[in-house]
Amino acid sequence: MVYNGFGRIGEKVSRFGMGCMRLPHKTDEQGRGVIDDAESVRMIRHAIDMGVNYFDTAYAYTGSEEVLGRALKGGYREGRVCNIGQE
């Protein structure tokens, strides 16, 4: 993986990131589309294993922040979380 410097803080960010807007979905009992937690966590962890350390998520990506949290739970790889948003 190729990494670039991130501002003046000395961190390195992977050139490839993973967008979390379109995580895999499945249909629930009421016929609604919901995030497939197991598949999403598997995909996120695979991206981390491949060197990705940048994930794009937002409140508007309904449920993606929670799934990302579950994928990182228990210290899965070292990482930092940066949340940039509006008040």
N, C-alpha and C. Protein backbone atom coordinates (compact mmCIF):
# COMPACT_ATOMS: atom_id res chain seq x y z
N MET A 1 0.85 -1.18 0.00
CA MET A 1 0.00 0.00 0.00
C MET A 1 0.90 1.24 0.00
N VAL A 2 0.48 2.23 -0.71
CA VAL A 2 1.19 3.50 -0.75
C VAL A 2 0.48 4.45 0.20
N TYR A 3 1.27 5.19 0.99
CA TYR A 3 0.72 6.11 1.97
C TYR A 3 1.22 7.52 1.70
N ASN A 4 0.41 8.50 2.00
CA ASN A 4 0.77 9.90 1.89
C ASN A 4 0.74 10.53 3.28
N GLY A 5 1.55 11.58 3.46
CA GLY A 5 1.51 12.31 4.71
C GLY A 5 0.17 13.02 4.88
N PHE A 6 -0.24 13.16 6.12
CA PHE A 6 -1.52 13.81 6.42
C PHE A 6 -1.24 15.07 7.21
N GLY A 7 -1.19 16.18 6.52
CA GLY A 7 -0.97 17.47 7.18
C GLY A 7 0.35 17.52 7.94
N ARG A 8 0.34 18.28 9.02
CA ARG A 8 1.56 18.48 9.80
C ARG A 8 1.67 17.52 10.98
N ILE A 9 0.73 16.60 11.12
CA ILE A 9 0.74 15.74 12.31
C ILE A 9 1.60 14.50 12.15
N GLY A 10 2.13 14.27 10.96
CA GLY A 10 3.05 13.16 10.76
C GLY A 10 2.40 11.81 10.56
N GLU A 11 1.10 11.76 10.46
CA GLU A 11 0.41 10.49 10.21
C GLU A 11 0.48 10.15 8.72
N LYS A 12 0.36 8.89 8.41
CA LYS A 12 0.34 8.43 7.03
C LYS A 12 -1.04 7.87 6.73
N VAL A 13 -1.61 8.28 5.60
CA VAL A 13 -2.94 7.85 5.19
C VAL A 13 -2.82 7.09 3.87
N SER A 14 -3.49 5.95 3.79
CA SER A 14 -3.44 5.14 2.58
C SER A 14 -4.03 5.91 1.40
N ARG A 15 -3.41 5.76 0.24
CA ARG A 15 -3.94 6.43 -0.96
C ARG A 15 -5.31 5.89 -1.32
N PHE A 16 -5.52 4.63 -1.08
CA PHE A 16 -6.83 4.04 -1.31
C PHE A 16 -7.59 4.06 0.00
N GLY A 17 -8.83 4.48 -0.08
CA GLY A 17 -9.70 4.46 1.09
C GLY A 17 -10.92 3.62 0.78
N MET A 18 -11.72 3.41 1.79
CA MET A 18 -12.96 2.64 1.59
C MET A 18 -14.13 3.53 1.95
N GLY A 19 -15.00 3.74 0.99
CA GLY A 19 -16.22 4.49 1.24
C GLY A 19 -17.27 3.58 1.88
N CYS A 20 -17.94 4.07 2.89
CA CYS A 20 -18.91 3.25 3.62
C CYS A 20 -20.36 3.62 3.31
N MET A 21 -20.57 4.37 2.25
CA MET A 21 -21.94 4.74 1.90
C MET A 21 -22.72 3.55 1.35
N ARG A 22 -22.06 2.69 0.62
CA ARG A 22 -22.74 1.57 -0.04
C ARG A 22 -22.28 0.22 0.50
N LEU A 23 -22.37 0.04 1.81
CA LEU A 23 -22.04 -1.25 2.39
C LEU A 23 -23.07 -2.28 1.94
N PRO A 24 -22.71 -3.57 1.94
CA PRO A 24 -23.65 -4.60 1.48
C PRO A 24 -24.96 -4.59 2.29
N HIS A 25 -26.05 -4.80 1.60
CA HIS A 25 -27.37 -4.82 2.23
C HIS A 25 -28.03 -6.19 2.09
N LYS A 26 -28.96 -6.43 2.96
CA LYS A 26 -29.83 -7.60 2.87
C LYS A 26 -31.23 -7.12 3.23
N THR A 27 -32.21 -7.97 3.07
CA THR A 27 -33.60 -7.62 3.37
C THR A 27 -33.98 -8.18 4.73
N ASP A 28 -34.58 -7.33 5.58
CA ASP A 28 -35.02 -7.81 6.89
C ASP A 28 -36.41 -8.42 6.81
N GLU A 29 -36.97 -8.80 7.96
CA GLU A 29 -38.27 -9.48 8.01
C GLU A 29 -39.41 -8.65 7.44
N GLN A 30 -39.28 -7.33 7.51
CA GLN A 30 -40.32 -6.44 6.99
C GLN A 30 -40.08 -6.04 5.53
N GLY A 31 -39.08 -6.64 4.91
CA GLY A 31 -38.80 -6.34 3.51
C GLY A 31 -37.97 -5.09 3.28
N ARG A 32 -37.41 -4.53 4.36
CA ARG A 32 -36.58 -3.32 4.24
C ARG A 32 -35.13 -3.70 4.00
N GLY A 33 -34.43 -2.87 3.28
CA GLY A 33 -33.01 -3.08 3.08
C GLY A 33 -32.24 -2.60 4.30
N VAL A 34 -31.43 -3.45 4.88
CA VAL A 34 -30.60 -3.10 6.04
C VAL A 34 -29.16 -3.55 5.76
N ILE A 35 -28.22 -2.92 6.44
CA ILE A 35 -26.82 -3.28 6.25
C ILE A 35 -26.59 -4.71 6.71
N ASP A 36 -25.90 -5.47 5.90
CA ASP A 36 -25.49 -6.83 6.25
C ASP A 36 -24.23 -6.71 7.11
N ASP A 37 -24.42 -6.75 8.44
CA ASP A 37 -23.31 -6.54 9.37
C ASP A 37 -22.14 -7.49 9.13
N ALA A 38 -22.42 -8.77 9.06
CA ALA A 38 -21.35 -9.76 8.94
C ALA A 38 -20.51 -9.53 7.69
N GLU A 39 -21.16 -9.33 6.56
CA GLU A 39 -20.43 -9.11 5.30
C GLU A 39 -19.69 -7.77 5.32
N SER A 40 -20.31 -6.75 5.88
CA SER A 40 -19.67 -5.43 5.95
C SER A 40 -18.43 -5.47 6.82
N VAL A 41 -18.53 -6.11 8.00
CA VAL A 41 -17.37 -6.23 8.89
C VAL A 41 -16.26 -7.01 8.19
N ARG A 42 -16.62 -8.08 7.49
CA ARG A 42 -15.62 -8.87 6.76
C ARG A 42 -14.91 -8.01 5.72
N MET A 43 -15.67 -7.21 4.97
CA MET A 43 -15.08 -6.35 3.93
C MET A 43 -14.16 -5.29 4.54
N ILE A 44 -14.61 -4.66 5.62
CA ILE A 44 -13.81 -3.62 6.26
C ILE A 44 -12.51 -4.21 6.79
N ARG A 45 -12.59 -5.35 7.45
CA ARG A 45 -11.38 -5.99 7.99
C ARG A 45 -10.44 -6.45 6.87
N HIS A 46 -10.99 -6.88 5.76
CA HIS A 46 -10.15 -7.25 4.61
C HIS A 46 -9.42 -6.01 4.09
N ALA A 47 -10.12 -4.89 4.00
CA ALA A 47 -9.47 -3.65 3.56
C ALA A 47 -8.33 -3.28 4.50
N ILE A 48 -8.56 -3.41 5.82
CA ILE A 48 -7.51 -3.12 6.80
C ILE A 48 -6.33 -4.06 6.59
N ASP A 49 -6.62 -5.34 6.40
CA ASP A 49 -5.55 -6.33 6.17
C ASP A 49 -4.72 -5.99 4.93
N MET A 50 -5.34 -5.34 3.96
CA MET A 50 -4.65 -4.96 2.72
C MET A 50 -3.93 -3.62 2.86
N GLY A 51 -4.03 -2.97 4.03
CA GLY A 51 -3.30 -1.73 4.28
C GLY A 51 -4.12 -0.47 4.29
N VAL A 52 -5.41 -0.56 4.02
CA VAL A 52 -6.27 0.63 4.04
C VAL A 52 -6.40 1.13 5.47
N ASN A 53 -6.21 2.43 5.66
CA ASN A 53 -6.41 3.01 6.98
C ASN A 53 -7.27 4.27 6.92
N TYR A 54 -7.93 4.46 5.80
CA TYR A 54 -8.81 5.62 5.61
C TYR A 54 -10.19 5.11 5.21
N PHE A 55 -11.18 5.46 6.01
CA PHE A 55 -12.57 5.06 5.74
C PHE A 55 -13.44 6.30 5.74
N ASP A 56 -14.23 6.44 4.72
CA ASP A 56 -15.13 7.58 4.59
C ASP A 56 -16.52 7.16 5.04
N THR A 57 -17.02 7.82 6.07
CA THR A 57 -18.35 7.54 6.55
C THR A 57 -18.99 8.84 7.01
N ALA A 58 -20.28 8.80 7.21
CA ALA A 58 -21.02 9.98 7.65
C ALA A 58 -22.34 9.54 8.26
N TYR A 59 -22.89 10.39 9.09
CA TYR A 59 -24.18 10.11 9.72
C TYR A 59 -25.24 9.80 8.67
N ALA A 60 -25.16 10.50 7.55
CA ALA A 60 -26.16 10.32 6.49
C ALA A 60 -26.07 8.94 5.83
N TYR A 61 -24.97 8.23 6.02
CA TYR A 61 -24.81 6.88 5.46
C TYR A 61 -25.41 5.88 6.45
N THR A 62 -26.63 6.01 6.73
CA THR A 62 -27.38 5.31 7.77
C THR A 62 -26.76 4.00 8.23
N GLY A 63 -26.23 4.01 9.46
CA GLY A 63 -25.71 2.81 10.09
C GLY A 63 -24.24 2.50 9.82
N SER A 64 -23.62 3.20 8.88
CA SER A 64 -22.25 2.84 8.51
C SER A 64 -21.25 3.12 9.63
N GLU A 65 -21.47 4.17 10.41
CA GLU A 65 -20.55 4.48 11.51
C GLU A 65 -20.56 3.37 12.56
N GLU A 66 -21.75 2.85 12.85
CA GLU A 66 -21.87 1.78 13.83
C GLU A 66 -21.19 0.50 13.34
N VAL A 67 -21.37 0.18 12.06
CA VAL A 67 -20.75 -1.02 11.50
C VAL A 67 -19.23 -0.87 11.52
N LEU A 68 -18.72 0.29 11.16
CA LEU A 68 -17.28 0.51 11.20
C LEU A 68 -16.76 0.33 12.63
N GLY A 69 -17.50 0.83 13.60
CA GLY A 69 -17.13 0.64 15.00
C GLY A 69 -17.06 -0.82 15.38
N ARG A 70 -18.03 -1.61 14.92
CA ARG A 70 -18.03 -3.05 15.22
C ARG A 70 -16.84 -3.75 14.55
N ALA A 71 -16.48 -3.29 13.35
CA ALA A 71 -15.34 -3.89 12.65
C ALA A 71 -14.03 -3.61 13.39
N LEU A 72 -13.94 -2.46 14.04
CA LEU A 72 -12.72 -2.08 14.75
C LEU A 72 -12.73 -2.53 16.21
N LYS A 73 -13.85 -3.03 16.69
CA LYS A 73 -14.01 -3.42 18.09
C LYS A 73 -12.95 -4.45 18.49
N GLY A 74 -12.51 -4.33 19.71
CA GLY A 74 -11.54 -5.29 20.23
C GLY A 74 -10.12 -5.01 19.76
N GLY A 75 -9.89 -3.82 19.22
CA GLY A 75 -8.54 -3.45 18.80
C GLY A 75 -8.11 -4.06 17.49
N TYR A 76 -9.07 -4.34 16.60
CA TYR A 76 -8.70 -4.90 15.31
C TYR A 76 -7.78 -3.94 14.59
N ARG A 77 -6.54 -4.26 14.59
CA ARG A 77 -5.47 -3.44 14.03
C ARG A 77 -5.39 -2.11 14.77
N GLU A 78 -4.25 -1.50 14.68
CA GLU A 78 -4.11 -0.17 15.26
C GLU A 78 -4.77 0.82 14.31
N GLY A 79 -5.33 1.83 14.89
CA GLY A 79 -5.95 2.82 14.03
C GLY A 79 -6.40 4.02 14.82
N ARG A 80 -6.78 5.01 14.10
CA ARG A 80 -7.31 6.22 14.70
C ARG A 80 -8.60 6.54 13.99
N VAL A 81 -9.48 7.16 14.72
CA VAL A 81 -10.75 7.56 14.13
C VAL A 81 -10.80 9.08 14.12
N CYS A 82 -11.11 9.62 12.98
CA CYS A 82 -11.25 11.06 12.84
C CYS A 82 -12.63 11.33 12.28
N ASN A 83 -13.40 12.11 12.99
CA ASN A 83 -14.75 12.42 12.55
C ASN A 83 -14.83 13.91 12.28
N ILE A 84 -15.13 14.26 11.06
CA ILE A 84 -15.24 15.66 10.67
C ILE A 84 -16.67 15.88 10.21
N GLY A 85 -17.33 16.83 10.81
CA GLY A 85 -18.72 17.04 10.44
C GLY A 85 -19.19 18.43 10.79
N GLN A 86 -20.47 18.61 10.65
CA GLN A 86 -21.10 19.89 10.94
C GLN A 86 -21.83 19.81 12.27
N GLU A 87 -21.98 20.96 12.90
CA GLU A 87 -22.77 21.00 14.14
C GLU A 87 -24.21 21.22 13.82
